[in-house]
Each structure stands twice: as structure tokens, then as C-alpha cells.
PDB file of N, CA and C in Angstrom:
ATOM      1  N   MET A   1     -29.381 -40.176  30.390  1.00  0.00           N
ATOM      2  CA  MET A   1     -28.581 -38.986  30.555  1.00  0.00           C
ATOM      3  C   MET A   1     -27.316 -39.063  29.702  1.00  0.00           C
ATOM      4  N   TYR A   2     -26.516 -40.126  29.885  1.00  0.00           N
ATOM      5  CA  TYR A   2     -25.281 -40.239  29.121  1.00  0.00           C
ATOM      6  C   TYR A   2     -25.548 -40.412  27.630  1.00  0.00           C
ATOM      7  N   GLU A   3     -26.645 -41.066  27.317  1.00  0.00           N
ATOM      8  CA  GLU A   3     -27.001 -41.248  25.922  1.00  0.00           C
ATOM      9  C   GLU A   3     -27.240 -39.900  25.262  1.00  0.00           C
ATOM     10  N   ASP A   4     -27.917 -38.994  25.973  1.00  0.00           N
ATOM     11  CA  ASP A   4     -28.155 -37.656  25.447  1.00  0.00           C
ATOM     12  C   ASP A   4     -26.839 -36.913  25.235  1.00  0.00           C
ATOM     13  N   MET A   5     -25.944 -37.028  26.205  1.00  0.00           N
ATOM     14  CA  MET A   5     -24.652 -36.350  26.102  1.00  0.00           C
ATOM     15  C   MET A   5     -23.867 -36.879  24.903  1.00  0.00           C
ATOM     16  N   PHE A   6     -23.914 -38.195  24.702  1.00  0.00           N
ATOM     17  CA  PHE A   6     -23.199 -38.802  23.584  1.00  0.00           C
ATOM     18  C   PHE A   6     -23.713 -38.248  22.257  1.00  0.00           C
ATOM     19  N   SER A   7     -25.020 -38.248  22.098  1.00  0.00           N
ATOM     20  CA  SER A   7     -25.630 -37.783  20.850  1.00  0.00           C
ATOM     21  C   SER A   7     -25.346 -36.311  20.598  1.00  0.00           C
ATOM     22  N   GLU A   8     -25.445 -35.506  21.644  1.00  0.00           N
ATOM     23  CA  GLU A   8     -25.172 -34.073  21.513  1.00  0.00           C
ATOM     24  C   GLU A   8     -23.707 -33.819  21.170  1.00  0.00           C
ATOM     25  N   ARG A   9     -22.825 -34.580  21.778  1.00  0.00           N
ATOM     26  CA  ARG A   9     -21.388 -34.410  21.511  1.00  0.00           C
ATOM     27  C   ARG A   9     -21.071 -34.781  20.068  1.00  0.00           C
ATOM     28  N   LEU A  10     -21.647 -35.849  19.587  1.00  0.00           N
ATOM     29  CA  LEU A  10     -21.412 -36.242  18.204  1.00  0.00           C
ATOM     30  C   LEU A  10     -21.879 -35.136  17.255  1.00  0.00           C
ATOM     31  N   ALA A  11     -23.050 -34.596  17.501  1.00  0.00           N
ATOM     32  CA  ALA A  11     -23.574 -33.518  16.657  1.00  0.00           C
ATOM     33  C   ALA A  11     -22.667 -32.294  16.714  1.00  0.00           C
ATOM     34  N   GLN A  12     -22.180 -31.968  17.908  1.00  0.00           N
ATOM     35  CA  GLN A  12     -21.290 -30.815  18.082  1.00  0.00           C
ATOM     36  C   GLN A  12     -19.998 -30.998  17.289  1.00  0.00           C
ATOM     37  N   LEU A  13     -19.372 -32.150  17.434  1.00  0.00           N
ATOM     38  CA  LEU A  13     -18.088 -32.396  16.771  1.00  0.00           C
ATOM     39  C   LEU A  13     -18.252 -32.508  15.256  1.00  0.00           C
ATOM     40  N   ARG A  14     -19.335 -33.111  14.819  1.00  0.00           N
ATOM     41  CA  ARG A  14     -19.600 -33.217  13.386  1.00  0.00           C
ATOM     42  C   ARG A  14     -19.809 -31.824  12.788  1.00  0.00           C
ATOM     43  N   SER A  15     -20.587 -31.001  13.465  1.00  0.00           N
ATOM     44  CA  SER A  15     -20.832 -29.637  12.983  1.00  0.00           C
ATOM     45  C   SER A  15     -19.544 -28.829  12.950  1.00  0.00           C
ATOM     46  N   LYS A  16     -18.718 -28.995  13.977  1.00  0.00           N
ATOM     47  CA  LYS A  16     -17.433 -28.281  14.033  1.00  0.00           C
ATOM     48  C   LYS A  16     -16.556 -28.671  12.853  1.00  0.00           C
ATOM     49  N   LYS A  17     -16.653 -29.923  12.423  1.00  0.00           N
ATOM     50  CA  LYS A  17     -15.880 -30.387  11.265  1.00  0.00           C
ATOM     51  C   LYS A  17     -16.482 -29.862   9.969  1.00  0.00           C
ATOM     52  N   GLY A  18     -17.739 -29.417  10.020  1.00  0.00           N
ATOM     53  CA  GLY A  18     -18.380 -28.831   8.847  1.00  0.00           C
ATOM     54  C   GLY A  18     -18.880 -29.852   7.841  1.00  0.00           C
ATOM     55  N   VAL A  19     -19.320 -30.987   8.340  1.00  0.00           N
ATOM     56  CA  VAL A  19     -19.798 -32.056   7.463  1.00  0.00           C
ATOM     57  C   VAL A  19     -21.240 -32.402   7.838  1.00  0.00           C
ATOM     58  N   SER A  20     -22.015 -32.763   6.860  1.00  0.00           N
ATOM     59  CA  SER A  20     -23.403 -33.145   7.127  1.00  0.00           C
ATOM     60  C   SER A  20     -23.443 -34.554   7.707  1.00  0.00           C
ATOM     61  N   ALA A  21     -24.536 -34.851   8.387  1.00  0.00           N
ATOM     62  CA  ALA A  21     -24.722 -36.198   8.950  1.00  0.00           C
ATOM     63  C   ALA A  21     -24.730 -37.235   7.826  1.00  0.00           C
ATOM     64  N   ARG A  22     -25.351 -36.887   6.721  1.00  0.00           N
ATOM     65  CA  ARG A  22     -25.418 -37.804   5.580  1.00  0.00           C
ATOM     66  C   ARG A  22     -24.022 -38.102   5.034  1.00  0.00           C
ATOM     67  N   ASP A  23     -23.235 -37.046   4.795  1.00  0.00           N
ATOM     68  CA  ASP A  23     -21.890 -37.240   4.251  1.00  0.00           C
ATOM     69  C   ASP A  23     -21.000 -38.030   5.204  1.00  0.00           C
ATOM     70  N   MET A  24     -21.132 -37.756   6.494  1.00  0.00           N
ATOM     71  CA  MET A  24     -20.330 -38.500   7.468  1.00  0.00           C
ATOM     72  C   MET A  24     -20.736 -39.968   7.462  1.00  0.00           C
ATOM     73  N   SER A  25     -22.028 -40.231   7.423  1.00  0.00           N
ATOM     74  CA  SER A  25     -22.519 -41.615   7.387  1.00  0.00           C
ATOM     75  C   SER A  25     -21.939 -42.370   6.201  1.00  0.00           C
ATOM     76  N   LEU A  26     -22.022 -41.754   5.039  1.00  0.00           N
ATOM     77  CA  LEU A  26     -21.530 -42.407   3.817  1.00  0.00           C
ATOM     78  C   LEU A  26     -20.011 -42.579   3.857  1.00  0.00           C
ATOM     79  N   SER A  27     -19.314 -41.598   4.416  1.00  0.00           N
ATOM     80  CA  SER A  27     -17.854 -41.708   4.532  1.00  0.00           C
ATOM     81  C   SER A  27     -17.443 -42.853   5.449  1.00  0.00           C
ATOM     82  N   LEU A  28     -18.297 -43.164   6.399  1.00  0.00           N
ATOM     83  CA  LEU A  28     -18.028 -44.274   7.316  1.00  0.00           C
ATOM     84  C   LEU A  28     -18.475 -45.616   6.742  1.00  0.00           C
ATOM     85  N   GLY A  29     -19.035 -45.582   5.533  1.00  0.00           N
ATOM     86  CA  GLY A  29     -19.489 -46.811   4.902  1.00  0.00           C
ATOM     87  C   GLY A  29     -20.815 -47.299   5.435  1.00  0.00           C
ATOM     88  N   GLN A  30     -21.604 -46.386   5.964  1.00  0.00           N
ATOM     89  CA  GLN A  30     -22.897 -46.735   6.549  1.00  0.00           C
ATOM     90  C   GLN A  30     -24.029 -46.183   5.683  1.00  0.00           C
ATOM     91  N   SER A  31     -25.253 -46.473   6.069  1.00  0.00           N
ATOM     92  CA  SER A  31     -26.413 -45.926   5.353  1.00  0.00           C
ATOM     93  C   SER A  31     -26.464 -44.413   5.552  1.00  0.00           C
ATOM     94  N   GLU A  32     -27.176 -43.716   4.679  1.00  0.00           N
ATOM     95  CA  GLU A  32     -27.237 -42.254   4.747  1.00  0.00           C
ATOM     96  C   GLU A  32     -27.755 -41.728   6.076  1.00  0.00           C
ATOM     97  N   SER A  33     -28.578 -42.493   6.755  1.00  0.00           N
ATOM     98  CA  SER A  33     -29.206 -42.023   7.987  1.00  0.00           C
ATOM     99  C   SER A  33     -28.477 -42.465   9.262  1.00  0.00           C
ATOM    100  N   TYR A  34     -27.347 -43.125   9.134  1.00  0.00           N
ATOM    101  CA  TYR A  34     -26.651 -43.707  10.283  1.00  0.00           C
ATOM    102  C   TYR A  34     -26.344 -42.674  11.369  1.00  0.00           C
ATOM    103  N   ILE A  35     -25.653 -41.600  11.030  1.00  0.00           N
ATOM    104  CA  ILE A  35     -25.279 -40.581  12.016  1.00  0.00           C
ATOM    105  C   ILE A  35     -26.518 -39.866  12.533  1.00  0.00           C
ATOM    106  N   ASN A  36     -27.467 -39.607  11.652  1.00  0.00           N
ATOM    107  CA  ASN A  36     -28.712 -38.963  12.063  1.00  0.00           C
ATOM    108  C   ASN A  36     -29.437 -39.802  13.116  1.00  0.00           C
ATOM    109  N   MET A  37     -29.441 -41.099  12.937  1.00  0.00           N
ATOM    110  CA  MET A  37     -30.088 -41.998  13.901  1.00  0.00           C
ATOM    111  C   MET A  37     -29.398 -41.923  15.275  1.00  0.00           C
ATOM    112  N   ILE A  38     -28.075 -41.824  15.270  1.00  0.00           N
ATOM    113  CA  ILE A  38     -27.333 -41.713  16.532  1.00  0.00           C
ATOM    114  C   ILE A  38     -27.625 -40.363  17.180  1.00  0.00           C
ATOM    115  N   GLU A  39     -27.559 -39.298  16.389  1.00  0.00           N
ATOM    116  CA  GLU A  39     -27.781 -37.963  16.932  1.00  0.00           C
ATOM    117  C   GLU A  39     -29.209 -37.776  17.439  1.00  0.00           C
ATOM    118  N   ASN A  40     -30.150 -38.527  16.887  1.00  0.00           N
ATOM    119  CA  ASN A  40     -31.543 -38.458  17.336  1.00  0.00           C
ATOM    120  C   ASN A  40     -31.885 -39.523  18.372  1.00  0.00           C
ATOM    121  N   ARG A  41     -30.854 -40.162  18.898  1.00  0.00           N
ATOM    122  CA  ARG A  41     -30.978 -41.142  19.985  1.00  0.00           C
ATOM    123  C   ARG A  41     -31.833 -42.353  19.631  1.00  0.00           C
ATOM    124  N   LYS A  42     -31.821 -42.714  18.362  1.00  0.00           N
ATOM    125  CA  LYS A  42     -32.594 -43.890  17.930  1.00  0.00           C
ATOM    126  C   LYS A  42     -31.726 -45.137  17.853  1.00  0.00           C
ATOM    127  N   SER A  43     -30.413 -44.938  17.820  1.00  0.00           N
ATOM    128  CA  SER A  43     -29.473 -46.056  17.860  1.00  0.00           C
ATOM    129  C   SER A  43     -28.132 -45.529  18.348  1.00  0.00           C
ATOM    130  N   TYR A  44     -27.247 -46.447  18.669  1.00  0.00           N
ATOM    131  CA  TYR A  44     -25.910 -46.089  19.139  1.00  0.00           C
ATOM    132  C   TYR A  44     -24.899 -46.992  18.453  1.00  0.00           C
ATOM    133  N   PRO A  45     -23.694 -46.490  18.243  1.00  0.00           N
ATOM    134  CA  PRO A  45     -22.699 -47.297  17.522  1.00  0.00           C
ATOM    135  C   PRO A  45     -22.109 -48.394  18.392  1.00  0.00           C
ATOM    136  N   SER A  46     -21.625 -49.411  17.721  1.00  0.00           N
ATOM    137  CA  SER A  46     -20.835 -50.433  18.420  1.00  0.00           C
ATOM    138  C   SER A  46     -19.505 -49.786  18.802  1.00  0.00           C
ATOM    139  N   MET A  47     -18.745 -50.469  19.615  1.00  0.00           N
ATOM    140  CA  MET A  47     -17.437 -49.923  20.004  1.00  0.00           C
ATOM    141  C   MET A  47     -16.546 -49.726  18.786  1.00  0.00           C
ATOM    142  N   SER A  48     -16.507 -50.698  17.894  1.00  0.00           N
ATOM    143  CA  SER A  48     -15.647 -50.557  16.716  1.00  0.00           C
ATOM    144  C   SER A  48     -16.130 -49.396  15.842  1.00  0.00           C
ATOM    145  N   ALA A  49     -17.445 -49.226  15.715  1.00  0.00           N
ATOM    146  CA  ALA A  49     -17.970 -48.099  14.936  1.00  0.00           C
ATOM    147  C   ALA A  49     -17.632 -46.777  15.624  1.00  0.00           C
ATOM    148  N   PHE A  50     -17.675 -46.760  16.948  1.00  0.00           N
ATOM    149  CA  PHE A  50     -17.302 -45.548  17.696  1.00  0.00           C
ATOM    150  C   PHE A  50     -15.849 -45.169  17.403  1.00  0.00           C
ATOM    151  N   PHE A  51     -14.968 -46.163  17.357  1.00  0.00           N
ATOM    152  CA  PHE A  51     -13.566 -45.880  17.051  1.00  0.00           C
ATOM    153  C   PHE A  51     -13.420 -45.307  15.639  1.00  0.00           C
ATOM    154  N   TYR A  52     -14.196 -45.821  14.683  1.00  0.00           N
ATOM    155  CA  TYR A  52     -14.179 -45.265  13.325  1.00  0.00           C
ATOM    156  C   TYR A  52     -14.694 -43.830  13.313  1.00  0.00           C
ATOM    157  N   ILE A  53     -15.705 -43.559  14.115  1.00  0.00           N
ATOM    158  CA  ILE A  53     -16.237 -42.192  14.211  1.00  0.00           C
ATOM    159  C   ILE A  53     -15.154 -41.256  14.739  1.00  0.00           C
ATOM    160  N   CYS A  54     -14.458 -41.674  15.782  1.00  0.00           N
ATOM    161  CA  CYS A  54     -13.375 -40.847  16.330  1.00  0.00           C
ATOM    162  C   CYS A  54     -12.274 -40.620  15.302  1.00  0.00           C
ATOM    163  N   GLU A  55     -11.917 -41.671  14.601  1.00  0.00           N
ATOM    164  CA  GLU A  55     -10.890 -41.554  13.559  1.00  0.00           C
ATOM    165  C   GLU A  55     -11.339 -40.566  12.487  1.00  0.00           C
ATOM    166  N   TYR A  56     -12.583 -40.653  12.081  1.00  0.00           N
ATOM    167  CA  TYR A  56     -13.121 -39.743  11.077  1.00  0.00           C
ATOM    168  C   TYR A  56     -13.053 -38.289  11.555  1.00  0.00           C
ATOM    169  N   LEU A  57     -13.320 -38.085  12.841  1.00  0.00           N
ATOM    170  CA  LEU A  57     -13.304 -36.736  13.409  1.00  0.00           C
ATOM    171  C   LEU A  57     -11.895 -36.272  13.774  1.00  0.00           C
ATOM    172  N   ASP A  58     -10.900 -37.132  13.579  1.00  0.00           N
ATOM    173  CA  ASP A  58      -9.499 -36.835  13.919  1.00  0.00           C
ATOM    174  C   ASP A  58      -9.314 -36.537  15.401  1.00  0.00           C
ATOM    175  N   ILE A  59      -9.970 -37.337  16.237  1.00  0.00           N
ATOM    176  CA  ILE A  59      -9.848 -37.191  17.679  1.00  0.00           C
ATOM    177  C   ILE A  59      -9.698 -38.572  18.301  1.00  0.00           C
ATOM    178  N   THR A  60      -9.343 -38.585  19.582  1.00  0.00           N
ATOM    179  CA  THR A  60      -9.260 -39.848  20.320  1.00  0.00           C
ATOM    180  C   THR A  60     -10.593 -40.084  21.043  1.00  0.00           C
ATOM    181  N   PRO A  61     -10.854 -41.309  21.456  1.00  0.00           N
ATOM    182  CA  PRO A  61     -12.050 -41.545  22.272  1.00  0.00           C
ATOM    183  C   PRO A  61     -12.051 -40.669  23.537  1.00  0.00           C
ATOM    184  N   ARG A  62     -10.892 -40.461  24.105  1.00  0.00           N
ATOM    185  CA  ARG A  62     -10.802 -39.578  25.286  1.00  0.00           C
ATOM    186  C   ARG A  62     -11.257 -38.168  24.932  1.00  0.00           C
ATOM    187  N   ASP A  63     -10.818 -37.671  23.770  1.00  0.00           N
ATOM    188  CA  ASP A  63     -11.248 -36.344  23.329  1.00  0.00           C
ATOM    189  C   ASP A  63     -12.764 -36.279  23.173  1.00  0.00           C
ATOM    190  N   PHE A  64     -13.342 -37.355  22.657  1.00  0.00           N
ATOM    191  CA  PHE A  64     -14.782 -37.379  22.431  1.00  0.00           C
ATOM    192  C   PHE A  64     -15.536 -37.106  23.729  1.00  0.00           C
ATOM    193  N   PHE A  65     -15.084 -37.705  24.822  1.00  0.00           N
ATOM    194  CA  PHE A  65     -15.785 -37.577  26.096  1.00  0.00           C
ATOM    195  C   PHE A  65     -15.307 -36.402  26.946  1.00  0.00           C
ATOM    196  N   ASP A  66     -14.392 -35.613  26.430  1.00  0.00           N
ATOM    197  CA  ASP A  66     -13.941 -34.405  27.136  1.00  0.00           C
ATOM    198  C   ASP A  66     -14.894 -33.271  26.756  1.00  0.00           C
ATOM    199  N   TYR A  67     -16.029 -33.225  27.426  1.00  0.00           N
ATOM    200  CA  TYR A  67     -17.099 -32.307  27.064  1.00  0.00           C
ATOM    201  C   TYR A  67     -16.725 -30.836  27.256  1.00  0.00           C
ATOM    202  N   GLU A  68     -15.701 -30.557  28.050  1.00  0.00           N
ATOM    203  CA  GLU A  68     -15.270 -29.170  28.256  1.00  0.00           C
ATOM    204  C   GLU A  68     -14.463 -28.650  27.073  1.00  0.00           C
ATOM    205  N   ASN A  69     -13.943 -29.539  26.252  1.00  0.00           N
ATOM    206  CA  ASN A  69     -13.132 -29.157  25.100  1.00  0.00           C
ATOM    207  C   ASN A  69     -14.036 -29.103  23.867  1.00  0.00           C
ATOM    208  N   SER A  70     -14.371 -27.898  23.439  1.00  0.00           N
ATOM    209  CA  SER A  70     -15.317 -27.759  22.324  1.00  0.00           C
ATOM    210  C   SER A  70     -14.676 -28.011  20.962  1.00  0.00           C
ATOM    211  N   ASP A  71     -13.356 -28.001  20.888  1.00  0.00           N
ATOM    212  CA  ASP A  71     -12.694 -28.218  19.596  1.00  0.00           C
ATOM    213  C   ASP A  71     -11.445 -29.083  19.773  1.00  0.00           C
ATOM    214  N   PRO A  72     -11.637 -30.373  20.076  1.00  0.00           N
ATOM    215  CA  PRO A  72     -10.477 -31.229  20.339  1.00  0.00           C
ATOM    216  C   PRO A  72      -9.540 -31.383  19.149  1.00  0.00           C
ATOM    217  N   GLN A  73     -10.060 -31.322  17.944  1.00  0.00           N
ATOM    218  CA  GLN A  73      -9.194 -31.443  16.776  1.00  0.00           C
ATOM    219  C   GLN A  73      -8.195 -30.279  16.741  1.00  0.00           C
ATOM    220  N   GLN A  74      -8.675 -29.086  17.009  1.00  0.00           N
ATOM    221  CA  GLN A  74      -7.795 -27.912  17.019  1.00  0.00           C
ATOM    222  C   GLN A  74      -6.783 -27.996  18.162  1.00  0.00           C
ATOM    223  N   VAL A  75      -7.231 -28.432  19.332  1.00  0.00           N
ATOM    224  CA  VAL A  75      -6.325 -28.562  20.469  1.00  0.00           C
ATOM    225  C   VAL A  75      -5.236 -29.596  20.160  1.00  0.00           C
ATOM    226  N   ASN A  76      -5.609 -30.704  19.532  1.00  0.00           N
ATOM    227  CA  ASN A  76      -4.620 -31.721  19.161  1.00  0.00           C
ATOM    228  C   ASN A  76      -3.621 -31.182  18.151  1.00  0.00           C
ATOM    229  N   GLU A  77      -4.110 -30.412  17.192  1.00  0.00           N
ATOM    230  CA  GLU A  77      -3.215 -29.822  16.195  1.00  0.00           C
ATOM    231  C   GLU A  77      -2.257 -28.832  16.858  1.00  0.00           C
ATOM    232  N   LEU A  78      -2.778 -28.014  17.751  1.00  0.00           N
ATOM    233  CA  LEU A  78      -1.943 -27.058  18.474  1.00  0.00           C
ATOM    234  C   LEU A  78      -0.884 -27.772  19.301  1.00  0.00           C
ATOM    235  N   THR A  79      -1.296 -28.822  20.003  1.00  0.00           N
ATOM    236  CA  THR A  79      -0.358 -29.600  20.811  1.00  0.00           C
ATOM    237  C   THR A  79       0.737 -30.210  19.943  1.00  0.00           C
ATOM    238  N   HIS A  80       0.347 -30.761  18.804  1.00  0.00           N
ATOM    239  CA  HIS A  80       1.323 -31.359  17.896  1.00  0.00           C
ATOM    240  C   HIS A  80       2.351 -30.318  17.441  1.00  0.00           C
ATOM    241  N   GLU A  81       1.873 -29.153  17.066  1.00  0.00           N
ATOM    242  CA  GLU A  81       2.782 -28.098  16.606  1.00  0.00           C
ATOM    243  C   GLU A  81       3.704 -27.629  17.731  1.00  0.00           C
ATOM    244  N   ILE A  82       3.182 -27.513  18.936  1.00  0.00           N
ATOM    245  CA  ILE A  82       4.005 -27.090  20.070  1.00  0.00           C
ATOM    246  C   ILE A  82       5.086 -28.116  20.363  1.00  0.00           C
ATOM    247  N   MET A  83       4.744 -29.394  20.239  1.00  0.00           N
ATOM    248  CA  MET A  83       5.719 -30.448  20.513  1.00  0.00           C
ATOM    249  C   MET A  83       6.876 -30.434  19.515  1.00  0.00           C
ATOM    250  N   ASN A  84       6.663 -29.856  18.344  1.00  0.00           N
ATOM    251  CA  ASN A  84       7.722 -29.773  17.340  1.00  0.00           C
ATOM    252  C   ASN A  84       8.682 -28.609  17.579  1.00  0.00           C
ATOM    253  N   LEU A  85       8.355 -27.743  18.537  1.00  0.00           N
ATOM    254  CA  LEU A  85       9.214 -26.599  18.842  1.00  0.00           C
ATOM    255  C   LEU A  85      10.346 -27.015  19.779  1.00  0.00           C
ATOM    256  N   ASP A  86      11.437 -26.238  19.754  1.00  0.00           N
ATOM    257  CA  ASP A  86      12.501 -26.470  20.731  1.00  0.00           C
ATOM    258  C   ASP A  86      12.062 -25.888  22.070  1.00  0.00           C
ATOM    259  N   GLY A  87      12.756 -26.225  23.124  1.00  0.00           N
ATOM    260  CA  GLY A  87      12.382 -25.817  24.478  1.00  0.00           C
ATOM    261  C   GLY A  87      12.238 -24.323  24.657  1.00  0.00           C
ATOM    262  N   LYS A  88      13.151 -23.556  24.094  1.00  0.00           N
ATOM    263  CA  LYS A  88      13.103 -22.091  24.232  1.00  0.00           C
ATOM    264  C   LYS A  88      11.862 -21.525  23.546  1.00  0.00           C
ATOM    265  N   SER A  89      11.535 -22.041  22.380  1.00  0.00           N
ATOM    266  CA  SER A  89      10.347 -21.563  21.665  1.00  0.00           C
ATOM    267  C   SER A  89       9.073 -21.939  22.417  1.00  0.00           C
ATOM    268  N   ARG A  90       9.045 -23.145  22.989  1.00  0.00           N
ATOM    269  CA  ARG A  90       7.871 -23.540  23.775  1.00  0.00           C
ATOM    270  C   ARG A  90       7.685 -22.614  24.969  1.00  0.00           C
ATOM    271  N   GLU A  91       8.778 -22.268  25.640  1.00  0.00           N
ATOM    272  CA  GLU A  91       8.693 -21.334  26.769  1.00  0.00           C
ATOM    273  C   GLU A  91       8.137 -19.990  26.318  1.00  0.00           C
ATOM    274  N   TYR A  92       8.591 -19.520  25.164  1.00  0.00           N
ATOM    275  CA  TYR A  92       8.123 -18.246  24.635  1.00  0.00           C
ATOM    276  C   TYR A  92       6.607 -18.290  24.395  1.00  0.00           C
ATOM    277  N   PHE A  93       6.140 -19.337  23.717  1.00  0.00           N
ATOM    278  CA  PHE A  93       4.713 -19.435  23.420  1.00  0.00           C
ATOM    279  C   PHE A  93       3.878 -19.659  24.685  1.00  0.00           C
ATOM    280  N   LEU A  94       4.400 -20.387  25.640  1.00  0.00           N
ATOM    281  CA  LEU A  94       3.695 -20.569  26.898  1.00  0.00           C
ATOM    282  C   LEU A  94       3.501 -19.221  27.591  1.00  0.00           C
ATOM    283  N   GLY A  95       4.553 -18.417  27.625  1.00  0.00           N
ATOM    284  CA  GLY A  95       4.442 -17.080  28.214  1.00  0.00           C
ATOM    285  C   GLY A  95       3.439 -16.217  27.468  1.00  0.00           C
ATOM    286  N   LEU A  96       3.468 -16.300  26.153  1.00  0.00           N
ATOM    287  CA  LEU A  96       2.537 -15.536  25.324  1.00  0.00           C
ATOM    288  C   LEU A  96       1.094 -15.945  25.605  1.00  0.00           C
ATOM    289  N   ILE A  97       0.846 -17.242  25.677  1.00  0.00           N
ATOM    290  CA  ILE A  97      -0.502 -17.750  25.948  1.00  0.00           C
ATOM    291  C   ILE A  97      -0.971 -17.299  27.330  1.00  0.00           C
ATOM    292  N   LYS A  98      -0.103 -17.400  28.331  1.00  0.00           N
ATOM    293  CA  LYS A  98      -0.472 -16.954  29.665  1.00  0.00           C
ATOM    294  C   LYS A  98      -0.789 -15.464  29.682  1.00  0.00           C
ATOM    295  N   ASP A  99      -0.013 -14.685  28.938  1.00  0.00           N
ATOM    296  CA  ASP A  99      -0.251 -13.247  28.857  1.00  0.00           C
ATOM    297  C   ASP A  99      -1.607 -12.953  28.225  1.00  0.00           C
ATOM    298  N   VAL A 100      -1.906 -13.608  27.130  1.00  0.00           N
ATOM    299  CA  VAL A 100      -3.193 -13.411  26.460  1.00  0.00           C
ATOM    300  C   VAL A 100      -4.345 -13.818  27.371  1.00  0.00           C
ATOM    301  N   ASN A 101      -4.208 -14.947  28.075  1.00  0.00           N
ATOM    302  CA  ASN A 101      -5.283 -15.429  28.955  1.00  0.00           C
ATOM    303  C   ASN A 101      -5.507 -14.526  30.159  1.00  0.00           C
ATOM    304  N   ASN A 102      -4.509 -13.769  30.559  1.00  0.00           N
ATOM    305  CA  ASN A 102      -4.632 -12.905  31.733  1.00  0.00           C
ATOM    306  C   ASN A 102      -5.077 -11.485  31.397  1.00  0.00           C
ATOM    307  N   ARG A 103      -5.236 -11.178  30.121  1.00  0.00           N
ATOM    308  CA  ARG A 103      -5.700  -9.839  29.735  1.00  0.00           C
ATOM    309  C   ARG A 103      -7.152  -9.670  30.153  1.00  0.00           C
ATOM    310  N   PRO A 104      -7.503  -8.451  30.562  1.00  0.00           N
ATOM    311  CA  PRO A 104      -8.935  -8.206  30.863  1.00  0.00           C
ATOM    312  C   PRO A 104      -9.775  -8.403  29.613  1.00  0.00           C
ATOM    313  N   LYS A 105     -10.919  -8.986  29.811  1.00  0.00           N
ATOM    314  CA  LYS A 105     -11.777  -9.292  28.656  1.00  0.00           C
ATOM    315  C   LYS A 105     -12.741  -8.185  28.385  1.00  0.00           C
TER     316      LYS A 105
END
């Protein structure tokens, strides 16, 4: 069960980044089929390789396993930008976000 979730999550995050399995494999210094093998549940990365995968995807290991967050890279970027705002600006954007989320869909 968890193995399936891992493979599906990797495929989801890789696709969101817009990179092929082959290109990601080669960028990680692995064989061309490395990511494909993981996504097809034929092998799994070591812990150190998993950390490299997360680094490549610009996410944390925690983000990887947060299955409810479909775009952790974007959420991290948004969080980083919000943290650079002063308190008054953060309050303004928080109110704006709450307003948008409460609009009828």
C-alpha cells in the first residue's frame, strides 16, 4: 500500500515539475531508467537517494509525504514570499486569501 503511494507521489511531483523520468534520472546521476523503475514499483531509493530526489524537486521529505498538498514547491515558494513581508502586509494578504476562499464557487 505505502509503496504504491510512494511511487504515485513521485510521479505526481515529477510531472508537476514538468520533467521526464529519464531527465530526472540523469540529473540525479543515475541510469536513464532509475525514476521509471521507482514509479513502476520495481525498485525503491535508498534514504540518501530519497533526500536527493527531494532536493531535486525543491521540497522537503515532509512535503513529499504530505499527500494532500498537490504542489508543495508552490506552497513553499508562497510561504517564503509571505515571510518576507512586514506584519501589516501579511495581515492584508491573509484577509485577502480568506476572502477568496470564502467566495461561492
